[in-house]
Amino acid sequence: MMRFLPAAVFTLLAAAVAGPALAQVGSNATAITQPQFETCLANLRPQALSAGITAQTWQTHTGALQADDSVLPLLNAQPEFTTPLWDYLAGLVDEQRVEDGLARLREHAELLQRVQARHGVDPATVVAVWGVESDYGRIFGKRPLLVSLGTLACAGRRQAFFRSEFFETLKLLQAGDIRAEGLTGSWAGAFGHTQFMPSTYARIAVDFDGDGRRDLVGSIPDALASTANYLRRSGWQSGQPWGYEVKLPPGFSTAGTGRTSRQPLSHWLGRGITRVDGKPIDLPANTRSALLIPTGVNGPAFLVFRNYDAIYSYNAAESYALAIATLADRLRGGSGLRTPWPTDDPGIGRNERRELQTLLLARGHDIGEVDGMIGTASRRAIRAEQQRLRMTPADGRAGRRILEALRAGR
């Protein structure tokens, strides 16, 4: 639903918005000129008007629009699929995000209770989505939304999909739900506190604060209630767990595992699956469930139920769904995963990344601000230290091995 959609969904949307031939750059283009962009927009205008966008809305919001071809290479870069799972979760389910999430639970307790009463989704899950998607409203994305979507509607892969999202954004502006001033989001068009795509916004967003607008940018009540509404409509079952971290018996075969390989709970219990905390799995024996072993039998394993699928639908990536699920568990008071990752160099959270940056600065590396964000300068400095220490690979990755080596003064 958010930053990435399976190809089948893109194909469906493309068929739904098929129209007259447009002036386009090649489907794999990594650049578009302003004249090409303006020609594309001119050819898009009749489709926009047919879709219910007024001529005034079109002119107001596209008349001076400038293409940004820097979004095009990002079509092929998804962190959910290119980052090791232990790094991905370390960055999203760290102590800072847990502490901030607990603070948001306290701050918005009454609101979250009303959201749960209306939509049936517990506060911890809603706040976990908020935390992963925008760091609790701190990071909405810096790219002007209309620029990104307009560019992607005219160049690169999946133009038909982004054309539809571009039109939906214009409709939301036209209806007054959102305002154009300062409207930014991700490179792919997700925006607001919980990063809805425009088409999802149009279908799912609710006015929970009663001001007559569905404002997921400026209204926390609207954003959190809309998130719960999305999960409910995706099949969320109130009062049920998303799943559990489980223990595999010795010699366990991975045959028949995976999110889509559903079996009655009794099947997995019969194969010796137990919760890592020793507690019983207190659900009916016929509960449909699946076993996830994302990093192999030597890493954490998860028995997941219907609510996990609802989370997965928000952004179709296993790593993303596990980030939401495990953060929600931490916000309920859980201690985190018990099974270590099958690596000698697990990922580190933002506090540890800041410590690593401080150590790099002390060794004379010019990396800029200590902010816990590992950018180009930090990676270059890490790579230099890895080479000095004869570590392999010397890849510039911020992991525990390099942190511990520098802590030890090596």
Protein backbone atom coordinates (compact mmCIF):
# COMPACT_ATOMS: atom_id res chain seq x y z
CA MET A 1 0.00 0.00 0.00
CA MET A 2 2.77 2.45 0.81
CA ARG A 3 6.06 2.83 -0.99
CA PHE A 4 6.02 -0.43 -2.91
CA LEU A 5 3.37 -2.51 -4.62
CA PRO A 6 3.63 -5.96 -6.18
CA ALA A 7 3.85 -5.97 -9.99
CA ALA A 8 0.39 -7.55 -10.25
CA VAL A 9 -1.17 -4.56 -8.53
CA PHE A 10 0.70 -2.13 -10.75
CA THR A 11 -0.52 -4.07 -13.79
CA LEU A 12 -4.11 -3.91 -12.57
CA LEU A 13 -3.92 -0.17 -12.01
CA ALA A 14 -2.25 0.38 -15.35
CA ALA A 15 -5.11 -1.35 -17.11
CA ALA A 16 -7.62 0.72 -15.17
CA VAL A 17 -6.20 4.05 -16.35
CA ALA A 18 -5.29 3.16 -19.92
CA GLY A 19 -5.92 6.05 -22.25
CA PRO A 20 -4.66 7.87 -25.34
CA ALA A 21 -0.99 7.67 -26.24
CA LEU A 22 1.21 10.06 -24.31
CA ALA A 23 4.55 11.64 -25.00
CA GLN A 24 6.77 9.46 -22.83
CA VAL A 25 10.37 8.74 -22.15
CA GLY A 26 11.38 5.08 -22.34
CA SER A 27 10.10 2.87 -19.56
CA ASN A 28 13.57 2.42 -18.06
CA ALA A 29 14.60 6.06 -18.44
CA THR A 30 16.67 7.73 -15.75
CA ALA A 31 16.19 11.27 -17.07
CA ILE A 32 13.47 13.46 -18.51
CA THR A 33 13.88 16.95 -19.97
CA GLN A 34 11.58 19.81 -19.07
CA PRO A 35 10.18 20.03 -22.64
CA GLN A 36 9.40 16.29 -22.55
CA PHE A 37 7.73 16.76 -19.18
CA GLU A 38 5.60 19.66 -20.38
CA THR A 39 4.52 17.71 -23.45
CA CYS A 40 3.55 14.77 -21.25
CA LEU A 41 1.51 17.01 -18.95
CA ALA A 42 -0.27 18.56 -21.92
CA ASN A 43 -1.25 15.10 -23.11
CA LEU A 44 -2.34 14.10 -19.61
CA ARG A 45 -4.73 17.04 -19.26
CA PRO A 46 -7.70 15.47 -21.12
CA GLN A 47 -7.44 12.36 -18.97
CA ALA A 48 -7.35 14.49 -15.84
CA LEU A 49 -10.45 16.41 -16.85
CA SER A 50 -12.25 13.16 -17.64
CA ALA A 51 -11.31 11.90 -14.18
CA GLY A 52 -13.08 14.85 -12.53
CA ILE A 53 -10.21 17.27 -12.10
CA THR A 54 -11.25 20.79 -13.05
CA ALA A 55 -9.34 22.87 -15.56
CA GLN A 56 -8.63 25.40 -12.80
CA THR A 57 -7.20 22.74 -10.48
CA TRP A 58 -5.05 21.36 -13.27
CA GLN A 59 -3.68 24.76 -14.24
CA THR A 60 -3.09 25.86 -10.64
CA HIS A 61 -1.05 22.83 -9.69
CA THR A 62 0.69 21.87 -12.94
CA GLY A 63 1.18 25.15 -14.76
CA ALA A 64 4.64 25.78 -13.30
CA LEU A 65 5.57 22.22 -12.38
CA GLN A 66 9.20 21.25 -12.94
CA ALA A 67 10.35 17.67 -13.50
CA ASP A 68 12.72 16.01 -11.03
CA ASP A 69 14.46 13.09 -12.69
CA SER A 70 16.34 12.22 -9.48
CA VAL A 71 13.30 10.13 -8.47
CA LEU A 72 13.67 7.77 -11.43
CA PRO A 73 16.64 5.67 -10.21
CA LEU A 74 14.82 5.16 -6.90
CA LEU A 75 12.26 2.95 -8.65
CA ASN A 76 14.81 0.15 -8.46
CA ALA A 77 15.97 0.72 -4.88
CA GLN A 78 13.80 -0.61 -2.04
CA PRO A 79 15.45 -0.84 1.41
CA GLU A 80 12.96 -3.53 2.43
CA PHE A 81 14.53 -5.82 -0.16
CA THR A 82 18.18 -4.68 -0.26
CA THR A 83 19.05 -4.38 3.43
CA PRO A 84 19.92 -7.38 5.65
CA LEU A 85 17.01 -8.03 7.98
CA TRP A 86 19.12 -7.54 11.12
CA ASP A 87 20.17 -4.10 9.88
CA TYR A 88 16.66 -3.15 8.81
CA LEU A 89 15.11 -4.04 12.18
CA ALA A 90 18.00 -2.59 14.18
CA GLY A 91 17.37 0.77 12.53
CA LEU A 92 13.59 0.73 12.93
CA VAL A 93 13.06 -1.05 16.25
CA ASP A 94 15.72 0.59 18.36
CA GLU A 95 15.58 1.91 21.92
CA GLN A 96 14.92 5.48 20.82
CA ARG A 97 11.90 4.50 18.73
CA VAL A 98 10.56 2.38 21.58
CA GLU A 99 10.97 5.19 24.13
CA ASP A 100 9.38 7.73 21.80
CA GLY A 101 6.53 5.34 21.05
CA LEU A 102 5.81 4.81 24.73
CA ALA A 103 5.69 8.58 25.13
CA ARG A 104 3.19 8.85 22.26
CA LEU A 105 1.04 6.12 23.81
CA ARG A 106 0.84 8.15 27.01
CA GLU A 107 0.33 11.47 25.25
CA HIS A 108 -2.49 10.23 23.01
CA ALA A 109 -3.99 7.60 25.30
CA GLU A 110 -7.54 8.95 25.15
CA LEU A 111 -7.44 9.41 21.37
CA LEU A 112 -6.05 5.91 20.83
CA GLN A 113 -8.75 4.42 23.03
CA ARG A 114 -11.39 6.09 20.86
CA VAL A 115 -9.64 4.87 17.71
CA GLN A 116 -9.63 1.32 19.07
CA ALA A 117 -13.31 1.56 20.00
CA ARG A 118 -14.16 2.69 16.46
CA HIS A 119 -11.86 0.47 14.40
CA GLY A 120 -10.79 -2.37 16.68
CA VAL A 121 -7.01 -1.95 16.35
CA ASP A 122 -4.97 -1.72 19.53
CA PRO A 123 -2.97 1.45 20.35
CA ALA A 124 0.46 -0.22 20.20
CA THR A 125 -0.03 -1.40 16.63
CA VAL A 126 -1.30 1.98 15.42
CA VAL A 127 1.57 3.81 17.12
CA ALA A 128 4.08 1.28 15.73
CA VAL A 129 2.94 2.08 12.18
CA TRP A 130 3.26 5.78 12.98
CA GLY A 131 6.76 5.27 14.34
CA VAL A 132 8.06 3.25 11.40
CA GLU A 133 6.41 5.37 8.72
CA SER A 134 7.35 8.88 9.85
CA ASP A 135 9.20 8.55 13.19
CA TYR A 136 6.04 9.80 14.91
CA GLY A 137 5.53 12.73 12.55
CA ARG A 138 9.14 13.92 12.43
CA ILE A 139 9.94 12.77 8.90
CA PHE A 140 7.28 13.19 6.23
CA GLY A 141 9.68 13.07 3.32
CA LYS A 142 11.36 16.07 1.71
CA ARG A 143 10.29 15.73 -1.91
CA PRO A 144 7.49 17.97 -3.24
CA LEU A 145 4.67 15.51 -3.78
CA LEU A 146 3.31 16.83 -7.08
CA VAL A 147 6.80 17.08 -8.54
CA SER A 148 7.65 13.47 -7.72
CA LEU A 149 4.34 12.01 -8.86
CA GLY A 150 4.20 14.17 -11.96
CA THR A 151 7.69 13.09 -12.97
CA LEU A 152 6.96 9.41 -12.33
CA ALA A 153 3.73 9.74 -14.31
CA CYS A 154 5.75 10.75 -17.35
CA ALA A 155 8.99 8.74 -17.15
CA GLY A 156 10.40 5.51 -15.84
CA ARG A 157 8.63 2.27 -15.04
CA ARG A 158 5.01 2.04 -13.90
CA GLN A 159 3.94 5.35 -15.38
CA ALA A 160 0.27 4.35 -15.44
CA PHE A 161 0.28 3.62 -11.73
CA PHE A 162 1.91 6.92 -10.83
CA ARG A 163 -0.36 8.77 -13.26
CA SER A 164 -3.31 7.50 -11.25
CA GLU A 165 -1.66 8.58 -7.98
CA PHE A 166 -0.92 12.01 -9.48
CA PHE A 167 -4.58 12.44 -10.39
CA GLU A 168 -5.71 11.31 -6.93
CA THR A 169 -3.45 13.91 -5.33
CA LEU A 170 -5.01 16.63 -7.46
CA LYS A 171 -8.48 15.44 -6.45
CA LEU A 172 -7.55 15.61 -2.76
CA LEU A 173 -6.28 19.16 -3.27
CA GLN A 174 -9.44 20.04 -5.15
CA ALA A 175 -11.64 18.65 -2.35
CA GLY A 176 -9.75 20.65 0.26
CA ASP A 177 -8.56 17.65 2.28
CA ILE A 178 -4.94 18.70 1.83
CA ARG A 179 -3.17 21.92 0.91
CA ALA A 180 -0.47 22.32 -1.70
CA GLU A 181 1.78 24.59 0.37
CA GLY A 182 4.65 22.56 1.77
CA LEU A 183 3.12 19.27 0.61
CA THR A 184 6.00 16.82 0.66
CA GLY A 185 6.39 13.07 0.89
CA SER A 186 8.49 10.12 -0.16
CA TRP A 187 9.94 9.84 -3.66
CA ALA A 188 7.09 7.47 -4.59
CA GLY A 189 4.28 9.70 -3.33
CA ALA A 190 3.48 8.39 0.15
CA PHE A 191 2.80 11.25 2.55
CA GLY A 192 1.43 12.29 5.92
CA HIS A 193 1.96 10.93 9.43
CA THR A 194 1.49 7.33 8.35
CA GLN A 195 2.54 7.72 4.73
CA PHE A 196 -0.59 6.91 2.71
CA MET A 197 -0.40 6.77 -1.05
CA PRO A 198 -2.93 9.21 -2.57
CA SER A 199 -5.26 6.47 -3.87
CA THR A 200 -5.28 4.82 -0.45
CA TYR A 201 -5.91 8.21 1.13
CA ALA A 202 -8.93 8.69 -1.14
CA ARG A 203 -10.38 5.28 -0.21
CA ILE A 204 -9.47 4.90 3.44
CA ALA A 205 -8.84 8.25 5.13
CA VAL A 206 -11.36 9.37 7.75
CA ASP A 207 -12.17 12.69 9.40
CA PHE A 208 -11.73 11.75 13.05
CA ASP A 209 -11.35 15.22 14.54
CA GLY A 210 -14.65 16.39 13.03
CA ASP A 211 -13.37 19.46 11.18
CA GLY A 212 -14.81 18.41 7.82
CA ARG A 213 -11.43 17.51 6.29
CA ARG A 214 -9.56 14.23 6.06
CA ASP A 215 -6.18 15.69 6.89
CA LEU A 216 -3.46 13.09 7.40
CA VAL A 217 -0.75 15.75 7.28
CA GLY A 218 -1.92 18.24 9.89
CA SER A 219 -4.23 16.12 12.07
CA ILE A 220 -2.88 13.35 14.27
CA PRO A 221 -6.43 12.11 15.07
CA ASP A 222 -7.25 11.77 11.37
CA ALA A 223 -3.93 10.05 10.66
CA LEU A 224 -4.11 7.48 13.45
CA ALA A 225 -7.77 6.69 12.89
CA SER A 226 -7.17 6.31 9.16
CA THR A 227 -4.32 3.90 9.85
CA ALA A 228 -6.56 1.79 12.07
CA ASN A 229 -9.28 1.94 9.42
CA TYR A 230 -6.81 0.64 6.84
CA LEU A 231 -5.80 -2.30 9.02
CA ARG A 232 -9.42 -3.10 9.86
CA ARG A 233 -10.39 -3.13 6.21
CA SER A 234 -7.36 -5.35 5.52
CA GLY A 235 -8.77 -8.03 7.79
CA TRP A 236 -7.51 -7.06 11.24
CA GLN A 237 -9.06 -9.24 13.95
CA SER A 238 -9.59 -7.29 17.15
CA GLY A 239 -8.03 -8.81 20.24
CA GLN A 240 -5.93 -11.34 18.33
CA PRO A 241 -2.11 -11.46 18.17
CA TRP A 242 -0.17 -10.85 14.98
CA GLY A 243 2.00 -13.83 15.84
CA TYR A 244 4.76 -15.02 18.15
CA GLU A 245 8.48 -15.63 18.04
CA VAL A 246 8.78 -19.39 18.24
CA LYS A 247 11.37 -22.08 18.84
CA LEU A 248 12.07 -24.76 16.26
CA PRO A 249 12.78 -28.33 17.31
CA PRO A 250 16.16 -29.86 16.34
CA GLY A 251 16.38 -30.93 12.70
CA PHE A 252 13.32 -28.94 11.69
CA SER A 253 12.60 -29.00 7.95
CA THR A 254 11.73 -25.68 6.28
CA ALA A 255 9.43 -27.37 3.79
CA GLY A 256 6.00 -25.77 3.74
CA THR A 257 7.05 -22.57 5.48
CA GLY A 258 6.42 -19.01 4.33
CA ARG A 259 3.69 -16.41 4.77
CA THR A 260 1.38 -17.83 2.12
CA SER A 261 1.71 -21.45 3.24
CA ARG A 262 -1.20 -21.47 5.68
CA GLN A 263 -1.91 -24.41 7.92
CA PRO A 264 -4.11 -25.03 10.97
CA LEU A 265 -2.31 -24.16 14.18
CA SER A 266 -2.49 -27.81 15.13
CA HIS A 267 -0.18 -28.62 12.20
CA TRP A 268 2.65 -26.50 13.59
CA LEU A 269 2.12 -27.60 17.17
CA GLY A 270 2.28 -31.16 15.95
CA ARG A 271 5.68 -30.44 14.39
CA GLY A 272 7.04 -29.31 17.74
CA ILE A 273 6.74 -25.53 17.41
CA THR A 274 6.64 -23.71 20.76
CA ARG A 275 6.84 -20.07 21.85
CA VAL A 276 10.33 -18.95 22.80
CA ASP A 277 9.03 -17.50 26.07
CA GLY A 278 7.54 -20.86 27.07
CA LYS A 279 3.98 -19.55 27.20
CA PRO A 280 1.18 -21.55 25.55
CA ILE A 281 -0.23 -20.59 22.14
CA ASP A 282 -3.75 -20.13 23.42
CA LEU A 283 -5.70 -20.10 20.15
CA PRO A 284 -8.13 -22.56 18.56
CA ALA A 285 -6.44 -25.54 16.94
CA ASN A 286 -7.93 -24.65 13.54
CA THR A 287 -6.51 -21.10 13.52
CA ARG A 288 -4.89 -20.49 10.15
CA SER A 289 -1.21 -19.76 10.61
CA ALA A 290 2.11 -19.68 8.78
CA LEU A 291 5.70 -20.15 9.85
CA LEU A 292 8.29 -17.53 8.86
CA ILE A 293 11.99 -18.39 8.96
CA PRO A 294 13.37 -15.25 7.25
CA THR A 295 17.08 -15.87 7.92
CA GLY A 296 17.17 -19.66 8.12
CA VAL A 297 16.69 -22.18 10.90
CA ASN A 298 19.51 -20.67 12.97
CA GLY A 299 17.79 -17.29 13.19
CA PRO A 300 14.51 -16.05 14.69
CA ALA A 301 11.34 -17.85 13.58
CA PHE A 302 7.78 -16.54 13.76
CA LEU A 303 4.36 -18.15 13.77
CA VAL A 304 2.01 -15.59 12.22
CA PHE A 305 -1.76 -15.20 11.96
CA ARG A 306 -4.31 -13.06 10.12
CA ASN A 307 -3.25 -9.80 11.73
CA TYR A 308 0.25 -10.21 10.35
CA ASP A 309 -1.25 -10.25 6.86
CA ALA A 310 -3.10 -7.01 7.61
CA ILE A 311 0.21 -5.40 8.59
CA TYR A 312 1.93 -6.87 5.52
CA SER A 313 -0.71 -5.31 3.26
CA TYR A 314 0.38 -1.86 4.42
CA ASN A 315 3.69 -2.28 2.62
CA ALA A 316 4.29 -5.61 0.93
CA ALA A 317 7.64 -6.59 2.40
CA GLU A 318 8.36 -9.20 5.06
CA SER A 319 10.98 -7.01 6.74
CA TYR A 320 8.53 -4.11 6.98
CA ALA A 321 5.77 -6.22 8.51
CA LEU A 322 8.19 -7.68 11.05
CA ALA A 323 9.36 -4.18 11.98
CA ILE A 324 5.79 -3.07 12.72
CA ALA A 325 4.93 -6.27 14.56
CA THR A 326 8.05 -6.38 16.72
CA LEU A 327 7.91 -2.66 17.53
CA ALA A 328 4.29 -3.07 18.61
CA ASP A 329 5.38 -5.91 20.91
CA ARG A 330 8.04 -3.68 22.46
CA LEU A 331 5.43 -0.96 23.01
CA ARG A 332 3.31 -3.51 24.87
CA GLY A 333 6.20 -4.12 27.24
CA GLY A 334 7.98 -6.95 25.45
CA SER A 335 11.74 -7.33 25.66
CA GLY A 336 12.40 -7.89 21.96
CA LEU A 337 13.57 -10.89 20.00
CA ARG A 338 15.19 -13.66 22.01
CA THR A 339 16.86 -15.60 19.22
CA PRO A 340 20.05 -13.99 17.89
CA TRP A 341 20.47 -13.32 14.20
CA PRO A 342 22.70 -15.77 12.30
CA THR A 343 25.54 -13.30 11.85
CA ASP A 344 28.69 -12.31 13.70
CA ASP A 345 28.01 -8.66 12.88
CA PRO A 346 24.42 -7.69 13.77
CA GLY A 347 22.98 -4.25 13.10
CA ILE A 348 23.01 -1.32 15.52
CA GLY A 349 20.40 1.27 16.44
CA ARG A 350 20.57 5.03 16.32
CA ASN A 351 22.14 5.51 19.76
CA GLU A 352 24.93 3.12 18.84
CA ARG A 353 25.32 4.74 15.44
CA ARG A 354 25.83 8.08 17.17
CA GLU A 355 28.45 6.46 19.36
CA LEU A 356 30.15 5.05 16.28
CA GLN A 357 30.14 8.48 14.61
CA THR A 358 31.62 10.05 17.75
CA LEU A 359 34.43 7.48 17.69
CA LEU A 360 35.05 8.19 14.01
CA LEU A 361 35.29 11.92 14.71
CA ALA A 362 37.77 11.22 17.51
CA ARG A 363 39.94 9.43 14.96
CA GLY A 364 40.00 12.48 12.73
CA HIS A 365 37.37 11.56 10.16
CA ASP A 366 35.38 14.51 8.81
CA ILE A 367 31.88 13.05 8.83
CA GLY A 368 29.87 16.12 9.75
CA GLU A 369 27.16 16.05 12.42
CA VAL A 370 26.71 13.19 14.86
CA ASP A 371 23.08 12.35 14.09
CA GLY A 372 22.83 8.56 13.93
CA MET A 373 22.28 8.72 10.17
CA ILE A 374 24.94 6.82 8.29
CA GLY A 375 25.53 8.82 5.12
CA THR A 376 28.26 8.86 2.52
CA ALA A 377 30.88 10.51 4.73
CA SER A 378 30.25 8.11 7.62
CA ARG A 379 30.42 5.08 5.32
CA ARG A 380 33.68 6.32 3.82
CA ALA A 381 35.16 6.71 7.31
CA ILE A 382 33.92 3.28 8.39
CA ARG A 383 35.45 1.73 5.28
CA ALA A 384 38.79 3.39 6.03
CA GLU A 385 38.75 2.01 9.59
CA GLN A 386 37.77 -1.45 8.38
CA GLN A 387 40.69 -1.42 5.97
CA ARG A 388 43.06 -0.25 8.70
CA LEU A 389 41.87 -3.07 10.94
CA ARG A 390 42.01 -5.58 8.07
CA MET A 391 38.32 -6.35 8.44
CA THR A 392 36.50 -8.09 5.62
CA PRO A 393 34.46 -7.05 3.91
CA ALA A 394 35.53 -3.41 4.07
CA ASP A 395 32.10 -2.27 2.93
CA GLY A 396 31.45 0.84 5.02
CA ARG A 397 28.58 -0.84 6.87
CA ALA A 398 27.75 0.38 10.37
CA GLY A 399 27.63 -2.89 12.32
CA ARG A 400 28.52 -4.14 15.76
CA ARG A 401 32.00 -5.44 14.82
CA ILE A 402 33.38 -2.06 13.81
CA LEU A 403 31.68 -0.35 16.77
CA GLU A 404 33.21 -2.79 19.26
CA ALA A 405 36.63 -2.55 17.64
CA LEU A 406 36.66 1.23 17.93
CA ARG A 407 35.24 1.07 21.47
CA ALA A 408 38.21 -1.12 22.39
CA GLY A 409 40.60 1.50 21.01
CA ARG A 410 41.99 -0.74 18.33
